[in-house]
Amino acid sequence: MVYRYGGCSEIGDVRNENQDRILCRTGSIGGIPCGLFLVADGMGGFRYGGWASEYTARSFEAWWSRELPQMILAGRDSSEDLEELLEQEIWEINRALYQFGRQRQLRCGTTLSLLLLLGSRGFIRNLGDSRVYRQRDKRLCRLTQDQSLVAQLLREGALTEQEAKTSARKNVLTMCLGMYEAAKSYGAKGRVRSGDVFLLCSDGLYNPLGESRMEELLGLEGDAAERKAALLRRQIPPGQALDNVSAVVVEVAER
């Protein structure tokens, strides 16, 4: 497998600071093609949100360079081993952010949407309301569940889809990195195919653009992943990017 990617992260139209961070890494470990991609959206209402997302991205960059190769080269590359390794890193990052906040009597946190690819296997971890999508055969499917109050009420049937879109509580998260002493991530795994296109994005992208428009843009023929990521941002109507906007597009192909 080959993973081609493109990413963008911008301040948007009204914010004073970009608290989003993205990370894209590809390579080969022990002859296995690998890729690590993430979007982290620092909490805009929390102090040090940009620091939290930056810390998360840098921590996973170090994890990619050290812990992941050690595990794979030691033959510990089963799905269970890799999921445990991911959870351990999430636990350590959360502990650092949580303790940082407690020591300074402040709140800082970040969402996390992460995609790890190894050959034809894919692993997802998600905290908060950033998202991971997959486009397969021209159809877009969300692979994550938002950890937010509105999403929880929607799943429980206490809100309709329309009420959820206009709710004043739509930005209230029930989980993120640094919010609680223990972080509970949403996880998924599966097989990836040649032709799959993955999109990782912050709510600053999917809220103003909408899933049907994202599906249309990701399905454009001839556009590379890098151009698609930039195009997604440009298609938000002027003045409607009310939050930071981040997107990572990953295309899977045969060698």
Protein backbone atom coordinates (compact mmCIF):
# COMPACT_ATOMS: atom_id res chain seq x y z
CA MET A 1 0.00 0.00 0.00
CA VAL A 2 0.96 3.63 -0.57
CA TYR A 3 -0.52 6.50 1.45
CA ARG A 4 -0.69 9.89 -0.24
CA TYR A 5 -1.77 12.80 1.92
CA GLY A 6 -2.35 16.50 2.14
CA GLY A 7 -3.29 18.74 5.03
CA CYS A 8 -4.19 22.28 5.93
CA SER A 9 -4.77 24.11 9.20
CA GLU A 10 -5.90 27.73 9.21
CA ILE A 11 -7.11 30.35 11.65
CA GLY A 12 -10.48 30.80 9.93
CA ASP A 13 -12.40 34.04 9.52
CA VAL A 14 -13.00 35.28 13.07
CA ARG A 15 -10.53 33.70 15.53
CA ASN A 16 -7.41 35.48 16.76
CA GLU A 17 -5.32 32.32 17.12
CA ASN A 18 -5.12 28.92 15.47
CA GLN A 19 -5.39 26.35 18.28
CA ASP A 20 -5.62 23.41 15.85
CA ARG A 21 -2.66 21.19 15.02
CA ILE A 22 -2.24 18.48 12.38
CA LEU A 23 0.34 15.74 11.95
CA CYS A 24 1.06 13.62 8.86
CA ARG A 25 3.81 10.99 8.76
CA THR A 26 4.45 8.06 6.41
CA GLY A 27 7.23 5.54 6.10
CA SER A 28 8.14 1.88 6.23
CA ILE A 29 8.93 -0.14 9.36
CA GLY A 30 10.27 -3.64 8.92
CA GLY A 31 9.05 -3.62 5.32
CA ILE A 32 5.51 -2.62 6.36
CA PRO A 33 4.15 0.65 4.93
CA CYS A 34 2.92 2.83 7.80
CA GLY A 35 1.15 6.13 8.19
CA LEU A 36 0.15 8.27 11.15
CA PHE A 37 -2.28 11.16 10.78
CA LEU A 38 -4.02 13.31 13.36
CA VAL A 39 -6.03 16.45 13.96
CA ALA A 40 -6.03 18.06 17.42
CA ASP A 41 -8.37 20.97 18.15
CA GLY A 42 -7.34 22.92 21.26
CA MET A 43 -10.25 24.04 23.36
CA GLY A 44 -11.01 27.61 22.30
CA GLY A 45 -12.67 28.51 25.61
CA PHE A 46 -9.89 26.96 27.65
CA ARG A 47 -6.57 28.64 28.40
CA TYR A 48 -3.57 27.05 26.74
CA GLY A 49 -5.68 25.25 24.13
CA GLY A 50 -3.03 25.78 21.46
CA TRP A 51 -0.37 24.47 23.80
CA ALA A 52 -2.44 21.32 24.50
CA SER A 53 -2.93 20.51 20.82
CA GLU A 54 0.74 21.21 20.07
CA TYR A 55 1.85 18.98 22.94
CA THR A 56 -0.40 16.20 21.66
CA ALA A 57 0.95 16.41 18.11
CA ARG A 58 4.58 16.51 19.27
CA SER A 59 4.02 13.57 21.62
CA PHE A 60 2.61 11.42 18.85
CA GLU A 61 5.44 12.46 16.53
CA ALA A 62 7.91 11.13 19.12
CA TRP A 63 5.76 8.01 19.52
CA TRP A 64 5.91 7.46 15.76
CA SER A 65 9.70 7.73 15.79
CA ARG A 66 10.41 5.59 18.87
CA GLU A 67 7.68 3.44 20.41
CA LEU A 68 5.94 2.27 17.22
CA PRO A 69 9.12 1.04 15.44
CA GLN A 70 10.30 -0.72 18.60
CA MET A 71 7.02 -2.61 18.87
CA ILE A 72 6.85 -3.62 15.21
CA LEU A 73 10.51 -4.66 14.97
CA ALA A 74 10.09 -6.73 18.14
CA GLY A 75 7.30 -8.67 16.42
CA ARG A 76 4.59 -7.18 18.60
CA ASP A 77 2.39 -5.92 15.77
CA SER A 78 -0.87 -7.73 16.45
CA SER A 79 -4.00 -5.60 16.53
CA GLU A 80 -4.20 -6.04 20.29
CA ASP A 81 -0.58 -4.92 20.75
CA LEU A 82 -1.03 -1.83 18.60
CA GLU A 83 -4.32 -0.83 20.24
CA GLU A 84 -2.70 -1.16 23.66
CA LEU A 85 0.22 0.97 22.50
CA LEU A 86 -2.12 3.69 21.25
CA GLU A 87 -4.12 3.69 24.47
CA GLN A 88 -0.95 3.92 26.54
CA GLU A 89 0.19 7.01 24.64
CA ILE A 90 -3.25 8.61 24.99
CA TRP A 91 -3.17 7.88 28.72
CA GLU A 92 0.26 9.48 29.11
CA ILE A 93 -0.67 12.59 27.12
CA ASN A 94 -3.89 13.01 29.06
CA ARG A 95 -2.08 12.64 32.38
CA ALA A 96 0.45 15.32 31.39
CA LEU A 97 -2.24 17.78 30.27
CA TYR A 98 -4.43 17.10 33.28
CA GLN A 99 -1.58 17.57 35.76
CA PHE A 100 -0.39 20.70 33.94
CA GLY A 101 -3.83 22.24 34.39
CA ARG A 102 -4.23 21.22 38.01
CA GLN A 103 -0.84 22.58 39.01
CA ARG A 104 -1.71 25.97 37.50
CA GLN A 105 -5.40 25.95 38.45
CA LEU A 106 -6.49 26.33 34.85
CA ARG A 107 -8.22 24.24 32.24
CA CYS A 108 -6.56 23.20 29.01
CA GLY A 109 -7.58 20.46 26.64
CA THR A 110 -7.76 19.26 23.08
CA THR A 111 -9.74 16.94 20.89
CA LEU A 112 -7.93 14.16 19.07
CA SER A 113 -8.76 12.39 15.83
CA LEU A 114 -6.09 9.86 14.90
CA LEU A 115 -5.64 7.38 12.06
CA LEU A 116 -2.86 4.78 12.12
CA LEU A 117 -2.32 2.74 8.94
CA LEU A 118 -0.14 -0.36 8.73
CA GLY A 119 -0.34 -2.16 5.42
CA SER A 120 -4.02 -2.92 4.89
CA ARG A 121 -4.95 -2.37 8.55
CA GLY A 122 -6.36 0.81 9.98
CA PHE A 123 -6.78 1.95 13.59
CA ILE A 124 -8.75 4.98 14.77
CA ARG A 125 -8.79 6.79 18.09
CA ASN A 126 -11.05 9.76 18.77
CA LEU A 127 -11.74 12.09 21.70
CA GLY A 128 -14.05 15.09 21.47
CA ASP A 129 -15.83 16.32 18.36
CA SER A 130 -13.17 16.26 15.68
CA ARG A 131 -13.93 13.47 13.20
CA VAL A 132 -12.58 10.77 10.91
CA TYR A 133 -14.44 9.96 7.69
CA ARG A 134 -13.84 7.38 4.98
CA GLN A 135 -14.89 7.77 1.37
CA ARG A 136 -15.25 4.43 -0.41
CA ASP A 137 -16.93 3.95 -3.78
CA LYS A 138 -17.89 7.65 -3.80
CA ARG A 139 -19.80 7.32 -0.51
CA LEU A 140 -18.74 9.19 2.62
CA CYS A 141 -19.07 7.44 5.98
CA ARG A 142 -18.26 8.87 9.39
CA LEU A 143 -16.10 6.42 11.34
CA THR A 144 -16.14 8.18 14.71
CA GLN A 145 -18.70 9.23 17.30
CA ASP A 146 -18.66 12.76 18.70
CA GLN A 147 -18.05 12.93 22.43
CA SER A 148 -20.22 15.97 23.05
CA LEU A 149 -23.35 16.74 25.02
CA VAL A 150 -25.46 17.36 21.92
CA ALA A 151 -24.25 14.14 20.25
CA GLN A 152 -25.08 12.19 23.40
CA LEU A 153 -28.59 13.69 23.57
CA LEU A 154 -29.04 12.96 19.87
CA ARG A 155 -28.07 9.31 20.33
CA GLU A 156 -30.48 9.07 23.27
CA GLY A 157 -33.33 10.52 21.19
CA ALA A 158 -33.62 13.63 23.37
CA LEU A 159 -32.84 15.92 20.43
CA THR A 160 -33.71 15.88 16.74
CA GLU A 161 -31.09 16.40 14.02
CA GLN A 162 -32.37 19.94 13.43
CA GLU A 163 -32.38 20.77 17.14
CA ALA A 164 -28.83 19.46 17.42
CA LYS A 165 -27.63 21.76 14.62
CA THR A 166 -28.97 24.88 16.34
CA SER A 167 -28.40 23.95 19.99
CA ALA A 168 -26.51 26.46 22.11
CA ARG A 169 -24.80 23.46 23.76
CA LYS A 170 -23.31 21.98 20.59
CA ASN A 171 -19.76 22.94 21.62
CA VAL A 172 -19.97 21.33 25.07
CA LEU A 173 -17.70 18.28 25.10
CA THR A 174 -18.17 15.26 27.35
CA MET A 175 -14.59 14.08 26.77
CA CYS A 176 -11.28 15.38 25.48
CA LEU A 177 -7.61 15.10 26.35
CA GLY A 178 -6.83 16.95 29.57
CA MET A 179 -10.43 17.34 30.74
CA TYR A 180 -10.58 14.42 33.18
CA GLU A 181 -8.05 12.40 35.15
CA ALA A 182 -8.89 9.39 32.95
CA ALA A 183 -9.53 9.80 29.22
CA LYS A 184 -11.86 7.41 27.43
CA SER A 185 -11.32 7.37 23.68
CA TYR A 186 -13.58 6.05 20.94
CA GLY A 187 -11.77 3.32 19.03
CA ALA A 188 -12.31 1.47 15.76
CA LYS A 189 -10.28 -0.76 13.49
CA GLY A 190 -10.71 -2.40 10.10
CA ARG A 191 -9.23 -3.22 6.72
CA VAL A 192 -8.35 -0.51 4.26
CA ARG A 193 -8.60 -0.89 0.49
CA SER A 194 -6.91 0.66 -2.47
CA GLY A 195 -9.03 3.63 -3.47
CA ASP A 196 -10.11 4.50 0.07
CA VAL A 197 -9.94 8.19 0.95
CA PHE A 198 -9.84 9.26 4.61
CA LEU A 199 -10.65 12.71 5.95
CA LEU A 200 -9.68 13.85 9.43
CA CYS A 201 -11.08 17.25 10.35
CA SER A 202 -12.00 19.65 13.11
CA ASP A 203 -15.53 20.92 13.62
CA GLY A 204 -14.42 24.15 11.99
CA LEU A 205 -14.57 22.30 8.66
CA TYR A 206 -17.55 19.99 8.83
CA ASN A 207 -19.96 22.42 10.52
CA PRO A 208 -19.98 25.09 7.79
CA LEU A 209 -19.32 22.76 4.86
CA GLY A 210 -21.62 19.80 5.58
CA GLU A 211 -21.11 16.14 4.82
CA SER A 212 -22.78 16.11 1.40
CA ARG A 213 -20.45 18.84 0.14
CA MET A 214 -17.41 17.11 1.63
CA GLU A 215 -18.43 13.89 -0.12
CA GLU A 216 -18.71 15.72 -3.44
CA LEU A 217 -15.29 17.38 -3.10
CA LEU A 218 -13.48 14.24 -1.96
CA GLY A 219 -14.88 12.38 -4.95
CA LEU A 220 -13.43 14.74 -7.55
CA GLU A 221 -11.34 12.85 -10.08
CA GLY A 222 -7.78 13.92 -10.79
CA ASP A 223 -7.28 16.04 -7.68
CA ALA A 224 -4.47 14.90 -5.40
CA ALA A 225 -4.92 14.65 -1.64
CA GLU A 226 -3.04 17.92 -1.05
CA ARG A 227 -5.27 19.82 -3.46
CA LYS A 228 -8.41 18.29 -1.96
CA ALA A 229 -7.44 19.38 1.55
CA ALA A 230 -6.94 22.97 0.36
CA LEU A 231 -10.12 22.84 -1.72
CA LEU A 232 -12.20 21.77 1.28
CA ARG A 233 -11.09 24.90 3.13
CA ARG A 234 -11.68 27.19 0.16
CA GLN A 235 -15.23 25.94 -0.30
CA ILE A 236 -16.35 27.35 3.06
CA PRO A 237 -18.27 30.53 2.15
CA PRO A 238 -16.42 33.77 2.98
CA GLY A 239 -17.05 34.83 6.56
CA GLN A 240 -18.50 31.44 7.53
CA ALA A 241 -15.32 29.89 8.95
CA LEU A 242 -16.25 30.78 12.53
CA ASP A 243 -13.61 28.51 14.05
CA ASN A 244 -10.15 27.27 13.16
CA VAL A 245 -10.27 24.98 10.12
CA SER A 246 -8.16 21.82 9.84
CA ALA A 247 -8.32 18.95 7.39
CA VAL A 248 -6.10 15.99 6.54
CA VAL A 249 -6.89 13.94 3.42
CA VAL A 250 -5.29 10.50 3.01
CA GLU A 251 -5.56 8.44 -0.17
CA VAL A 252 -4.74 4.70 -0.16
CA ALA A 253 -3.35 3.14 -3.32
CA GLU A 254 -1.54 0.01 -4.44
CA ARG A 255 2.19 0.36 -4.93
